[in-house]
Amino acid sequence: MKIKVTDAKIKKLEENCEVTRKLLQKMEVHSGCTDADVEHDKVTRPLRTKVGEVLDEVQKRASVRRLSIFSIEAAADKAEDMLDELNVPSKLRKGCRFTVFGGGGDIPRSYKYNFDTSAAIIERGSGNRAWFLIEASRETFSAGNGAHDNLVITPKARKHLVRSRHMELTGEIRSTTSLP
């Protein structure tokens, strides 16, 4: 049995959800969803759809799809945590890139065979914790050279890190080698 989903049906479902939410608000029942959450969802839903379409296009011939919108969101959180650990200021995070690979799945037992996986590159925007998908592709790796997620920071952020580490090291050296 085939069900045809049209834009009119989707719009009707969204209207029903909106009516239900308003009724719950009038009944003073806590729905767990605020107006800000609803507005945020309206903004992010088209973006999520576009990212999902790009990932589907890249992985359309793959037997197992390793990357999803949820793995991209998790990668953005992981990258943000890595930048926090490095103490990179938020103004220097724009342009940092994070490469995320789909799970390895079944890896050949012999080193002479390669395996395919999906890869995506996300880039930090200037907004508050905003990451954008800039590239998605299928990658081939040999069994010995596994695919690992990695963070590439901008030259300005690298310069800041080197300068701050230098200050930490020279401050520690001066405090341990002080003369009376």
N, C-alpha and C. Protein backbone atom coordinates (compact mmCIF):
# COMPACT_ATOMS: atom_id res chain seq x y z
N MET A 1 0.83 -1.17 0.00
CA MET A 1 0.00 0.00 0.00
C MET A 1 0.88 1.24 0.00
N LYS A 2 0.66 2.13 -0.93
CA LYS A 2 1.44 3.35 -1.03
C LYS A 2 0.64 4.51 -0.44
N ILE A 3 1.34 5.34 0.30
CA ILE A 3 0.73 6.53 0.87
C ILE A 3 1.39 7.73 0.23
N LYS A 4 0.60 8.58 -0.34
CA LYS A 4 1.13 9.76 -1.00
C LYS A 4 1.15 10.91 0.00
N VAL A 5 2.33 11.46 0.23
CA VAL A 5 2.48 12.58 1.15
C VAL A 5 2.62 13.85 0.32
N THR A 6 1.71 14.75 0.51
CA THR A 6 1.74 16.01 -0.23
C THR A 6 2.05 17.15 0.72
N ASP A 7 2.35 18.29 0.14
CA ASP A 7 2.62 19.47 0.96
C ASP A 7 1.39 19.88 1.75
N ALA A 8 0.23 19.69 1.18
CA ALA A 8 -1.01 20.05 1.89
C ALA A 8 -1.19 19.19 3.14
N LYS A 9 -0.87 17.89 3.05
CA LYS A 9 -0.99 17.01 4.21
C LYS A 9 0.01 17.41 5.29
N ILE A 10 1.22 17.74 4.89
CA ILE A 10 2.24 18.16 5.86
C ILE A 10 1.82 19.46 6.54
N LYS A 11 1.29 20.40 5.76
CA LYS A 11 0.83 21.67 6.33
C LYS A 11 -0.31 21.43 7.31
N LYS A 12 -1.22 20.52 6.97
CA LYS A 12 -2.35 20.21 7.85
C LYS A 12 -1.86 19.62 9.17
N LEU A 13 -0.86 18.73 9.11
CA LEU A 13 -0.30 18.14 10.33
C LEU A 13 0.36 19.21 11.20
N GLU A 14 1.08 20.13 10.57
CA GLU A 14 1.72 21.20 11.32
C GLU A 14 0.68 22.09 11.99
N GLU A 15 -0.43 22.37 11.28
CA GLU A 15 -1.50 23.17 11.86
C GLU A 15 -2.13 22.45 13.05
N ASN A 16 -2.34 21.15 12.93
CA ASN A 16 -2.90 20.38 14.03
C ASN A 16 -1.98 20.40 15.25
N CYS A 17 -0.68 20.30 15.02
CA CYS A 17 0.28 20.36 16.12
C CYS A 17 0.25 21.73 16.80
N GLU A 18 0.12 22.78 16.00
CA GLU A 18 0.06 24.13 16.55
C GLU A 18 -1.21 24.33 17.39
N VAL A 19 -2.35 23.81 16.90
CA VAL A 19 -3.61 23.91 17.63
C VAL A 19 -3.51 23.15 18.95
N THR A 20 -2.92 21.97 18.92
CA THR A 20 -2.76 21.17 20.14
C THR A 20 -1.87 21.88 21.15
N ARG A 21 -0.80 22.48 20.69
CA ARG A 21 0.09 23.22 21.58
C ARG A 21 -0.63 24.39 22.24
N LYS A 22 -1.43 25.11 21.47
CA LYS A 22 -2.18 26.25 22.03
C LYS A 22 -3.21 25.77 23.06
N LEU A 23 -3.86 24.65 22.78
CA LEU A 23 -4.82 24.11 23.74
C LEU A 23 -4.13 23.72 25.05
N LEU A 24 -2.96 23.11 24.94
CA LEU A 24 -2.23 22.73 26.14
C LEU A 24 -1.82 23.95 26.95
N GLN A 25 -1.47 25.03 26.26
CA GLN A 25 -1.10 26.25 26.97
C GLN A 25 -2.31 26.83 27.71
N LYS A 26 -3.49 26.79 27.08
CA LYS A 26 -4.69 27.31 27.72
C LYS A 26 -5.08 26.46 28.93
N MET A 27 -4.80 25.17 28.86
CA MET A 27 -5.13 24.27 29.96
C MET A 27 -4.07 24.32 31.06
N GLU A 28 -3.04 25.13 30.86
CA GLU A 28 -1.94 25.27 31.81
C GLU A 28 -1.23 23.95 32.06
N VAL A 29 -1.08 23.18 31.02
CA VAL A 29 -0.34 21.93 31.09
C VAL A 29 1.04 22.20 30.53
N HIS A 30 2.05 21.79 31.28
CA HIS A 30 3.42 22.00 30.82
C HIS A 30 3.73 20.99 29.72
N SER A 31 3.96 21.49 28.53
CA SER A 31 4.21 20.60 27.39
C SER A 31 5.67 20.26 27.23
N GLY A 32 6.57 20.95 27.93
CA GLY A 32 8.00 20.68 27.80
C GLY A 32 8.60 21.37 26.59
N CYS A 33 7.80 22.12 25.87
CA CYS A 33 8.26 22.80 24.66
C CYS A 33 7.85 24.26 24.76
N THR A 34 8.82 25.14 24.77
CA THR A 34 8.52 26.57 24.89
C THR A 34 8.34 27.19 23.51
N ASP A 35 7.90 28.42 23.49
CA ASP A 35 7.75 29.14 22.23
C ASP A 35 9.10 29.32 21.54
N ALA A 36 10.14 29.52 22.34
CA ALA A 36 11.48 29.66 21.77
C ALA A 36 11.91 28.37 21.08
N ASP A 37 11.56 27.22 21.67
CA ASP A 37 11.88 25.93 21.06
C ASP A 37 11.16 25.76 19.73
N VAL A 38 9.90 26.17 19.69
CA VAL A 38 9.13 26.07 18.46
C VAL A 38 9.72 26.96 17.38
N GLU A 39 10.10 28.18 17.73
CA GLU A 39 10.71 29.10 16.76
C GLU A 39 12.05 28.56 16.28
N HIS A 40 12.84 28.02 17.21
CA HIS A 40 14.14 27.44 16.84
C HIS A 40 13.96 26.27 15.87
N ASP A 41 12.95 25.45 16.13
CA ASP A 41 12.67 24.31 15.25
C ASP A 41 12.26 24.77 13.86
N LYS A 42 11.49 25.84 13.78
CA LYS A 42 11.07 26.37 12.47
C LYS A 42 12.27 26.84 11.66
N VAL A 43 13.27 27.38 12.34
CA VAL A 43 14.46 27.87 11.65
C VAL A 43 15.37 26.72 11.25
N THR A 44 15.58 25.75 12.14
CA THR A 44 16.56 24.70 11.88
C THR A 44 16.03 23.55 11.02
N ARG A 45 14.72 23.37 10.94
CA ARG A 45 14.18 22.25 10.16
C ARG A 45 14.60 22.29 8.69
N PRO A 46 14.51 23.45 8.00
CA PRO A 46 14.97 23.44 6.59
C PRO A 46 16.47 23.15 6.46
N LEU A 47 17.27 23.64 7.41
CA LEU A 47 18.71 23.38 7.36
C LEU A 47 19.00 21.90 7.57
N ARG A 48 18.32 21.28 8.51
CA ARG A 48 18.49 19.84 8.75
C ARG A 48 18.09 19.04 7.52
N THR A 49 17.03 19.47 6.87
CA THR A 49 16.58 18.77 5.66
C THR A 49 17.64 18.85 4.57
N LYS A 50 18.24 20.02 4.38
CA LYS A 50 19.28 20.18 3.36
C LYS A 50 20.49 19.31 3.66
N VAL A 51 20.92 19.31 4.92
CA VAL A 51 22.08 18.50 5.31
C VAL A 51 21.77 17.02 5.10
N GLY A 52 20.57 16.60 5.47
CA GLY A 52 20.16 15.21 5.26
C GLY A 52 20.16 14.83 3.80
N GLU A 53 19.71 15.73 2.93
CA GLU A 53 19.70 15.46 1.49
C GLU A 53 21.12 15.32 0.94
N VAL A 54 22.04 16.15 1.41
CA VAL A 54 23.43 16.07 0.96
C VAL A 54 24.04 14.74 1.39
N LEU A 55 23.82 14.35 2.63
CA LEU A 55 24.36 13.08 3.11
C LEU A 55 23.75 11.89 2.39
N ASP A 56 22.46 11.96 2.10
CA ASP A 56 21.81 10.88 1.34
C ASP A 56 22.37 10.78 -0.06
N GLU A 57 22.65 11.91 -0.69
CA GLU A 57 23.20 11.91 -2.05
C GLU A 57 24.58 11.27 -2.07
N VAL A 58 25.40 11.58 -1.08
CA VAL A 58 26.76 11.02 -1.03
C VAL A 58 26.72 9.52 -0.76
N GLN A 59 25.81 9.08 0.08
CA GLN A 59 25.78 7.68 0.52
C GLN A 59 24.75 6.83 -0.22
N LYS A 60 24.25 7.31 -1.34
CA LYS A 60 23.14 6.60 -1.99
C LYS A 60 23.52 5.20 -2.48
N ARG A 61 24.75 4.97 -2.83
CA ARG A 61 25.15 3.64 -3.30
C ARG A 61 25.82 2.81 -2.22
N ALA A 62 25.91 3.33 -1.03
CA ALA A 62 26.54 2.61 0.07
C ALA A 62 25.57 1.57 0.61
N SER A 63 26.11 0.43 0.99
CA SER A 63 25.24 -0.61 1.54
C SER A 63 24.78 -0.24 2.95
N VAL A 64 25.63 0.46 3.71
CA VAL A 64 25.27 0.92 5.04
C VAL A 64 25.60 2.40 5.12
N ARG A 65 24.65 3.19 5.53
CA ARG A 65 24.86 4.62 5.64
C ARG A 65 25.41 4.95 7.02
N ARG A 66 26.62 5.46 7.05
CA ARG A 66 27.33 5.67 8.31
C ARG A 66 27.13 7.06 8.88
N LEU A 67 26.85 8.06 8.05
CA LEU A 67 26.69 9.43 8.54
C LEU A 67 25.23 9.84 8.48
N SER A 68 24.81 10.56 9.50
CA SER A 68 23.45 11.09 9.54
C SER A 68 23.52 12.50 10.10
N ILE A 69 22.39 13.16 10.15
CA ILE A 69 22.35 14.51 10.71
C ILE A 69 22.74 14.47 12.19
N PHE A 70 22.42 13.38 12.86
CA PHE A 70 22.75 13.27 14.28
C PHE A 70 24.25 13.11 14.49
N SER A 71 24.93 12.39 13.59
CA SER A 71 26.38 12.25 13.72
C SER A 71 27.08 13.57 13.42
N ILE A 72 26.51 14.38 12.52
CA ILE A 72 27.08 15.70 12.23
C ILE A 72 26.91 16.61 13.45
N GLU A 73 25.74 16.56 14.07
CA GLU A 73 25.52 17.37 15.28
C GLU A 73 26.45 16.93 16.41
N ALA A 74 26.64 15.63 16.56
CA ALA A 74 27.55 15.12 17.59
C ALA A 74 28.99 15.55 17.30
N ALA A 75 29.36 15.57 16.02
CA ALA A 75 30.70 16.00 15.65
C ALA A 75 30.90 17.49 15.95
N ALA A 76 29.86 18.29 15.73
CA ALA A 76 29.96 19.71 16.05
C ALA A 76 30.14 19.91 17.55
N ASP A 77 29.43 19.14 18.36
CA ASP A 77 29.60 19.22 19.81
C ASP A 77 31.00 18.78 20.23
N LYS A 78 31.49 17.71 19.60
CA LYS A 78 32.83 17.21 19.91
C LYS A 78 33.89 18.24 19.54
N ALA A 79 33.73 18.86 18.39
CA ALA A 79 34.69 19.88 17.95
C ALA A 79 34.67 21.09 18.89
N GLU A 80 33.47 21.47 19.31
CA GLU A 80 33.35 22.60 20.24
C GLU A 80 34.02 22.27 21.58
N ASP A 81 33.87 21.04 22.04
CA ASP A 81 34.53 20.61 23.27
C ASP A 81 36.05 20.62 23.12
N MET A 82 36.54 20.20 21.95
CA MET A 82 37.98 20.21 21.71
C MET A 82 38.52 21.64 21.72
N LEU A 83 37.76 22.57 21.14
CA LEU A 83 38.19 23.97 21.15
C LEU A 83 38.16 24.54 22.57
N ASP A 84 37.19 24.10 23.36
CA ASP A 84 37.14 24.53 24.76
C ASP A 84 38.36 24.02 25.52
N GLU A 85 38.75 22.76 25.28
CA GLU A 85 39.92 22.19 25.95
C GLU A 85 41.20 22.93 25.58
N LEU A 86 41.26 23.39 24.34
CA LEU A 86 42.44 24.13 23.89
C LEU A 86 42.43 25.59 24.34
N ASN A 87 41.31 26.02 24.94
CA ASN A 87 41.14 27.41 25.38
C ASN A 87 41.23 28.41 24.23
N VAL A 88 40.63 28.06 23.10
CA VAL A 88 40.59 28.97 21.96
C VAL A 88 39.44 29.94 22.19
N PRO A 89 39.70 31.26 22.16
CA PRO A 89 38.62 32.22 22.35
C PRO A 89 37.57 32.11 21.24
N SER A 90 36.34 32.45 21.57
CA SER A 90 35.24 32.28 20.60
C SER A 90 35.43 33.16 19.36
N LYS A 91 36.09 34.30 19.50
CA LYS A 91 36.29 35.16 18.33
C LYS A 91 37.30 34.58 17.33
N LEU A 92 38.14 33.63 17.78
CA LEU A 92 39.13 33.02 16.90
C LEU A 92 38.68 31.66 16.37
N ARG A 93 37.48 31.22 16.71
CA ARG A 93 37.01 29.90 16.29
C ARG A 93 36.44 29.89 14.88
N LYS A 94 36.11 31.04 14.34
CA LYS A 94 35.53 31.08 13.00
C LYS A 94 36.54 30.54 11.99
N GLY A 95 36.10 29.60 11.17
CA GLY A 95 36.95 29.02 10.14
C GLY A 95 37.61 27.72 10.53
N CYS A 96 37.52 27.33 11.81
CA CYS A 96 38.08 26.03 12.22
C CYS A 96 37.27 24.92 11.56
N ARG A 97 37.96 23.87 11.14
CA ARG A 97 37.29 22.77 10.44
C ARG A 97 37.47 21.47 11.21
N PHE A 98 36.44 20.64 11.14
CA PHE A 98 36.46 19.35 11.80
C PHE A 98 36.04 18.30 10.79
N THR A 99 36.87 17.28 10.63
CA THR A 99 36.57 16.19 9.71
C THR A 99 36.03 15.03 10.51
N VAL A 100 34.86 14.57 10.14
CA VAL A 100 34.22 13.45 10.84
C VAL A 100 34.03 12.31 9.85
N PHE A 101 34.33 11.11 10.31
CA PHE A 101 34.18 9.92 9.49
C PHE A 101 33.08 9.06 10.06
N GLY A 102 32.34 8.41 9.18
CA GLY A 102 31.32 7.47 9.63
C GLY A 102 31.99 6.28 10.28
N GLY A 103 31.25 5.55 11.09
CA GLY A 103 31.81 4.38 11.75
C GLY A 103 32.41 3.42 10.74
N GLY A 104 33.47 2.77 11.14
CA GLY A 104 34.17 1.86 10.23
C GLY A 104 33.34 0.67 9.81
N GLY A 105 32.49 0.20 10.71
CA GLY A 105 31.66 -0.95 10.36
C GLY A 105 32.50 -2.19 10.17
N ASP A 106 32.20 -2.95 9.13
CA ASP A 106 32.94 -4.18 8.85
C ASP A 106 34.25 -3.84 8.15
N ILE A 107 35.35 -4.09 8.84
CA ILE A 107 36.66 -3.84 8.28
C ILE A 107 37.22 -5.17 7.82
N PRO A 108 37.80 -5.22 6.61
CA PRO A 108 38.35 -6.49 6.13
C PRO A 108 39.42 -7.03 7.07
N ARG A 109 39.49 -8.35 7.16
CA ARG A 109 40.47 -8.97 8.05
C ARG A 109 41.88 -8.91 7.46
N SER A 110 41.96 -8.88 6.18
CA SER A 110 43.27 -8.85 5.53
C SER A 110 43.65 -7.40 5.22
N TYR A 111 44.94 -7.10 5.38
CA TYR A 111 45.41 -5.75 5.11
C TYR A 111 45.44 -5.42 3.63
N LYS A 112 45.29 -6.41 2.77
CA LYS A 112 45.36 -6.12 1.34
C LYS A 112 44.06 -5.53 0.81
N TYR A 113 42.98 -5.55 1.61
CA TYR A 113 41.70 -5.01 1.17
C TYR A 113 41.46 -3.63 1.79
N ASN A 114 40.83 -2.78 1.05
CA ASN A 114 40.46 -1.45 1.53
C ASN A 114 39.01 -1.45 1.98
N PHE A 115 38.63 -0.44 2.74
CA PHE A 115 37.23 -0.29 3.13
C PHE A 115 36.78 1.13 2.84
N ASP A 116 35.50 1.26 2.57
CA ASP A 116 34.90 2.56 2.26
C ASP A 116 34.11 3.06 3.46
N THR A 117 34.14 4.36 3.64
CA THR A 117 33.34 4.99 4.67
C THR A 117 32.95 6.38 4.20
N SER A 118 32.01 6.97 4.87
CA SER A 118 31.57 8.32 4.55
C SER A 118 32.35 9.31 5.39
N ALA A 119 32.62 10.47 4.81
CA ALA A 119 33.34 11.52 5.52
C ALA A 119 32.63 12.85 5.28
N ALA A 120 32.72 13.72 6.27
CA ALA A 120 32.14 15.06 6.15
C ALA A 120 33.07 16.06 6.81
N ILE A 121 33.11 17.25 6.26
CA ILE A 121 33.89 18.33 6.84
C ILE A 121 32.90 19.42 7.23
N ILE A 122 32.99 19.82 8.50
CA ILE A 122 32.15 20.91 8.98
C ILE A 122 33.05 22.07 9.37
N GLU A 123 32.54 23.27 9.22
CA GLU A 123 33.33 24.47 9.50
C GLU A 123 32.58 25.36 10.49
N ARG A 124 33.33 25.95 11.40
CA ARG A 124 32.74 26.83 12.43
C ARG A 124 32.44 28.17 11.80
N GLY A 125 31.22 28.63 12.00
CA GLY A 125 30.80 29.95 11.53
C GLY A 125 31.04 30.98 12.61
N SER A 126 30.60 32.18 12.34
CA SER A 126 30.81 33.26 13.31
C SER A 126 29.73 33.31 14.37
N GLY A 127 28.64 32.59 14.17
CA GLY A 127 27.55 32.61 15.14
C GLY A 127 27.90 31.85 16.40
N ASN A 128 26.98 31.84 17.33
CA ASN A 128 27.19 31.15 18.59
C ASN A 128 27.11 29.65 18.37
N ARG A 129 28.25 28.99 18.40
CA ARG A 129 28.34 27.53 18.21
C ARG A 129 27.71 27.06 16.90
N ALA A 130 27.84 27.84 15.86
CA ALA A 130 27.25 27.49 14.56
C ALA A 130 28.29 26.76 13.71
N TRP A 131 27.95 25.54 13.29
CA TRP A 131 28.81 24.74 12.43
C TRP A 131 28.05 24.46 11.15
N PHE A 132 28.76 24.48 10.02
CA PHE A 132 28.14 24.30 8.72
C PHE A 132 28.82 23.15 7.98
N LEU A 133 28.01 22.33 7.33
CA LEU A 133 28.53 21.25 6.51
C LEU A 133 29.05 21.86 5.21
N ILE A 134 30.35 21.67 4.93
CA ILE A 134 30.91 22.24 3.71
C ILE A 134 31.28 21.19 2.69
N GLU A 135 31.46 19.94 3.13
CA GLU A 135 31.81 18.89 2.18
C GLU A 135 31.42 17.53 2.75
N ALA A 136 30.90 16.67 1.88
CA ALA A 136 30.60 15.30 2.25
C ALA A 136 31.04 14.41 1.10
N SER A 137 31.67 13.28 1.43
CA SER A 137 32.20 12.41 0.37
C SER A 137 32.34 10.98 0.89
N ARG A 138 32.61 10.07 -0.03
CA ARG A 138 32.95 8.69 0.32
C ARG A 138 34.46 8.58 0.24
N GLU A 139 35.07 7.97 1.24
CA GLU A 139 36.52 7.83 1.31
C GLU A 139 36.89 6.35 1.37
N THR A 140 38.06 6.01 0.82
CA THR A 140 38.59 4.66 0.87
C THR A 140 39.85 4.65 1.70
N PHE A 141 39.94 3.70 2.64
CA PHE A 141 41.09 3.60 3.51
C PHE A 141 41.58 2.17 3.52
N SER A 142 42.87 2.03 3.77
CA SER A 142 43.39 0.69 3.99
C SER A 142 43.18 0.35 5.46
N ALA A 143 43.20 -0.92 5.78
CA ALA A 143 42.89 -1.36 7.13
C ALA A 143 43.90 -0.83 8.15
N GLY A 144 45.13 -0.63 7.76
CA GLY A 144 46.14 -0.13 8.68
C GLY A 144 46.04 1.36 8.93
N ASN A 145 45.46 2.09 7.99
CA ASN A 145 45.35 3.54 8.11
C ASN A 145 43.89 3.91 8.36
N GLY A 146 43.46 3.75 9.57
CA GLY A 146 42.07 4.01 9.92
C GLY A 146 41.71 5.48 9.79
N ALA A 147 40.44 5.72 9.66
CA ALA A 147 39.93 7.08 9.55
C ALA A 147 39.66 7.61 10.95
N HIS A 148 40.29 8.72 11.29
CA HIS A 148 40.12 9.32 12.60
C HIS A 148 39.61 10.75 12.44
N ASP A 149 38.69 11.14 13.31
CA ASP A 149 38.20 12.51 13.30
C ASP A 149 39.35 13.44 13.67
N ASN A 150 39.40 14.60 13.02
CA ASN A 150 40.46 15.54 13.37
C ASN A 150 39.97 16.98 13.26
N LEU A 151 40.60 17.84 14.04
CA LEU A 151 40.27 19.25 14.11
C LEU A 151 41.42 20.04 13.51
N VAL A 152 41.09 20.97 12.62
CA VAL A 152 42.09 21.85 12.02
C VAL A 152 41.72 23.27 12.42
N ILE A 153 42.62 23.93 13.14
CA ILE A 153 42.32 25.28 13.60
C ILE A 153 42.90 26.30 12.64
N THR A 154 42.42 27.52 12.72
CA THR A 154 42.85 28.59 11.82
C THR A 154 44.24 29.07 12.24
N PRO A 155 44.97 29.73 11.33
CA PRO A 155 46.30 30.25 11.68
C PRO A 155 46.26 31.25 12.85
N LYS A 156 45.20 32.08 12.92
CA LYS A 156 45.10 33.03 14.03
C LYS A 156 44.93 32.29 15.36
N ALA A 157 44.11 31.26 15.37
CA ALA A 157 43.92 30.48 16.60
C ALA A 157 45.21 29.75 16.97
N ARG A 158 45.92 29.23 15.97
CA ARG A 158 47.19 28.54 16.23
C ARG A 158 48.21 29.51 16.83
N LYS A 159 48.26 30.72 16.27
CA LYS A 159 49.18 31.72 16.78
C LYS A 159 48.84 32.08 18.23
N HIS A 160 47.56 32.20 18.53
CA HIS A 160 47.12 32.49 19.90
C HIS A 160 47.52 31.36 20.85
N LEU A 161 47.34 30.10 20.40
CA LEU A 161 47.69 28.95 21.24
C LEU A 161 49.19 28.90 21.52
N VAL A 162 49.98 29.14 20.50
CA VAL A 162 51.44 29.11 20.67
C VAL A 162 51.86 30.22 21.64
N ARG A 163 51.27 31.40 21.47
CA ARG A 163 51.61 32.51 22.34
C ARG A 163 51.21 32.22 23.79
N SER A 164 50.02 31.66 24.00
CA SER A 164 49.57 31.38 25.37
C SER A 164 50.40 30.26 26.00
N ARG A 165 50.76 29.23 25.21
CA ARG A 165 51.60 28.14 25.75
C ARG A 165 53.00 28.65 26.08
N HIS A 166 53.50 29.55 25.25
CA HIS A 166 54.82 30.12 25.50
C HIS A 166 54.82 30.90 26.81
N MET A 167 53.75 31.66 27.02
CA MET A 167 53.64 32.44 28.26
C MET A 167 53.56 31.51 29.47
N GLU A 168 52.81 30.41 29.34
CA GLU A 168 52.71 29.45 30.44
C GLU A 168 54.07 28.84 30.75
N LEU A 169 54.79 28.42 29.70
CA LEU A 169 56.09 27.77 29.91
C LEU A 169 57.13 28.73 30.46
N THR A 170 57.21 29.92 29.92
CA THR A 170 58.20 30.87 30.42
C THR A 170 57.87 31.32 31.83
N GLY A 171 56.59 31.42 32.16
CA GLY A 171 56.19 31.77 33.53
C GLY A 171 56.58 30.68 34.50
N GLU A 172 56.43 29.41 34.11
CA GLU A 172 56.81 28.30 34.97
C GLU A 172 58.32 28.22 35.13
N ILE A 173 59.04 28.47 34.04
CA ILE A 173 60.50 28.39 34.11
C ILE A 173 61.04 29.51 35.00
N ARG A 174 60.52 30.71 34.88
CA ARG A 174 60.99 31.83 35.71
C ARG A 174 60.72 31.56 37.19
N SER A 175 59.57 30.97 37.48
CA SER A 175 59.25 30.73 38.90
C SER A 175 60.13 29.63 39.49
N THR A 176 60.60 28.68 38.67
CA THR A 176 61.42 27.61 39.22
C THR A 176 62.90 27.97 39.23
N THR A 177 63.32 28.91 38.40
CA THR A 177 64.74 29.25 38.32
C THR A 177 65.03 30.64 38.87
N SER A 178 64.21 31.11 39.76
CA SER A 178 64.44 32.46 40.31
C SER A 178 65.67 32.45 41.21
N LEU A 179 66.45 33.48 41.09
CA LEU A 179 67.66 33.62 41.89
C LEU A 179 67.36 34.44 43.13
N PRO A 180 68.04 34.15 44.26
CA PRO A 180 67.80 34.94 45.48
C PRO A 180 68.35 36.34 45.39
